[in-house]
Amino acid sequence: MTGIEIEVVEHPHKHREFIELAWQVNESDPDWVPPFRMELVKLLNRKTYPFFEHGDAQFLLARRNGRPVGRIAAIDNHLHSQRYNDQRGFFGLFECEDDIEVARELFRHAALWLSERKLKSVLGPFNYSINDENPGVLVEGFNGPPLILMSYNPRYYGRLLADAGLAKAKDMFAYMITEEVLKAERFRRVMAAIARRAPQIEQRELRQGKGFREDVEMMLKLFNECWQGNWGFLPVSPREVDAIVASLKQIVRPELTSIATFKGAPVAFAVCVPNLNEVLRRVRDGKLLSAPRYLGLSGTMDLVLGKSEVKGFRTMLLGVMPEYRNKGIDALMIAKIIDAGFALNQRYCELSWVLEDNEAMNSVAEKVGGWRYRTYRLFEAPLSRLIEPPRSALYKPRFADMAH
């Protein structure tokens, strides 16, 4: 491992080389959508980002012969530890050139930091928890740019993580629904059959103005109740509620939302957001102030208003109270939103992400006409394997079911 050095980055939001790794590794890929630098800086700021009220992280930068070649964050999520007591840490913000020695050193140092905190295993990538954006590694479905807040990475990442000693923990699926599917007679028959069996719910859109925050808070309360039993679930904290409200206010369209009520009580919700990545992918330097120059817009707020030229959207949040599941309510909400979307000149909808073993939601995605077109993978490993990897040159962790 001659020439490899690992630097602990104390202030990643101010560290140009740590931030630039995303561009260094991905910029040549036309399907990669650069993050906005100002949002990335917020994510990396220990003093202001909500996660650091209940967690900690160590940020590591790898250099080979002085040149930055990789980065990682080792993550200790205290809320997860309190809830599950499974001695599990996490990793995220992973970027790396196709260099197995660099990847192994990054994970070795991350594992050392996590083991000092009495943790025994690591799972990821998350930035910083399952509730944050861009979880997992895209391993199947390199068929275009990602949709908003979904992961994208070089094709070699899955192989690199497997060769570094990590193995599959869970897969997450993304489903695509096109206008042609919704126009098919079969879709209408299926939805009519579901509607006949479903309880008599009422659906309304997310309110704007003074009612917006009240509705979002109500939906996030429902989210915490609906997702209680889901694998890896963590409740949304009050500070995270503030961040989600601020984020949704910029991008949500009321027509692409549904709050389902039964006898006046909210029992389910769904929120879709326009795929702003259609616009953002053109801002290659990730600088908001340069967006008008790239996009021909008159000002930065026009970037948000540019959603009018976006032709697709993504299901971002969805939840159904346990006692109302398996009654078709989720399918009816999704169908309503998709109908509204296509009335707004939208041409596609992505349902994502869905855990591979969430049979109910995978079934709903298929019933509403989705076809599984992308797979994202979460990787895990015992820390001991990463700290002291097998020395045998024959050691080759199995890279199963992976697209190359």
Foldseek 3Di string as FASTA:
>chain_A
DPQKDKDWDPQLLPDVLLLCLVCVAPLVPLQEFDAQNVVVSLLRGLVHNVQNVFWDKIKMFMGGNRHTFWIKIKIDGRLLCVVPVQLETEMEPTGGDPDLVNLLVRLQVSLVVSVVVVGWKYKWDDSHAPLAFATFEWFFFPPGHDFPRHHYHDNCVLQSVLQSPKDFDFKWFKWKFFPVLCPDPLLVVLLVVLVVQFPDKDKFFQDDDPRNLVVLVVQLVLVCQQCVPPPRDDRQDPVNSVVVSVVCNLWFDRLLKIFIDDPRHTFKIWGKTFRLSVQSSQVSVSHLQCSCVRPVDDGSSVSSVVSLVGQEIETDDIGGRPVRPPSSPRLVSNSSSVVSSVVSNHTMYMYDIGIPPPVRVVVSCVSNPIDTRIMGTMIMDTSVCSNDPDPDPPDRRDSPPGDD
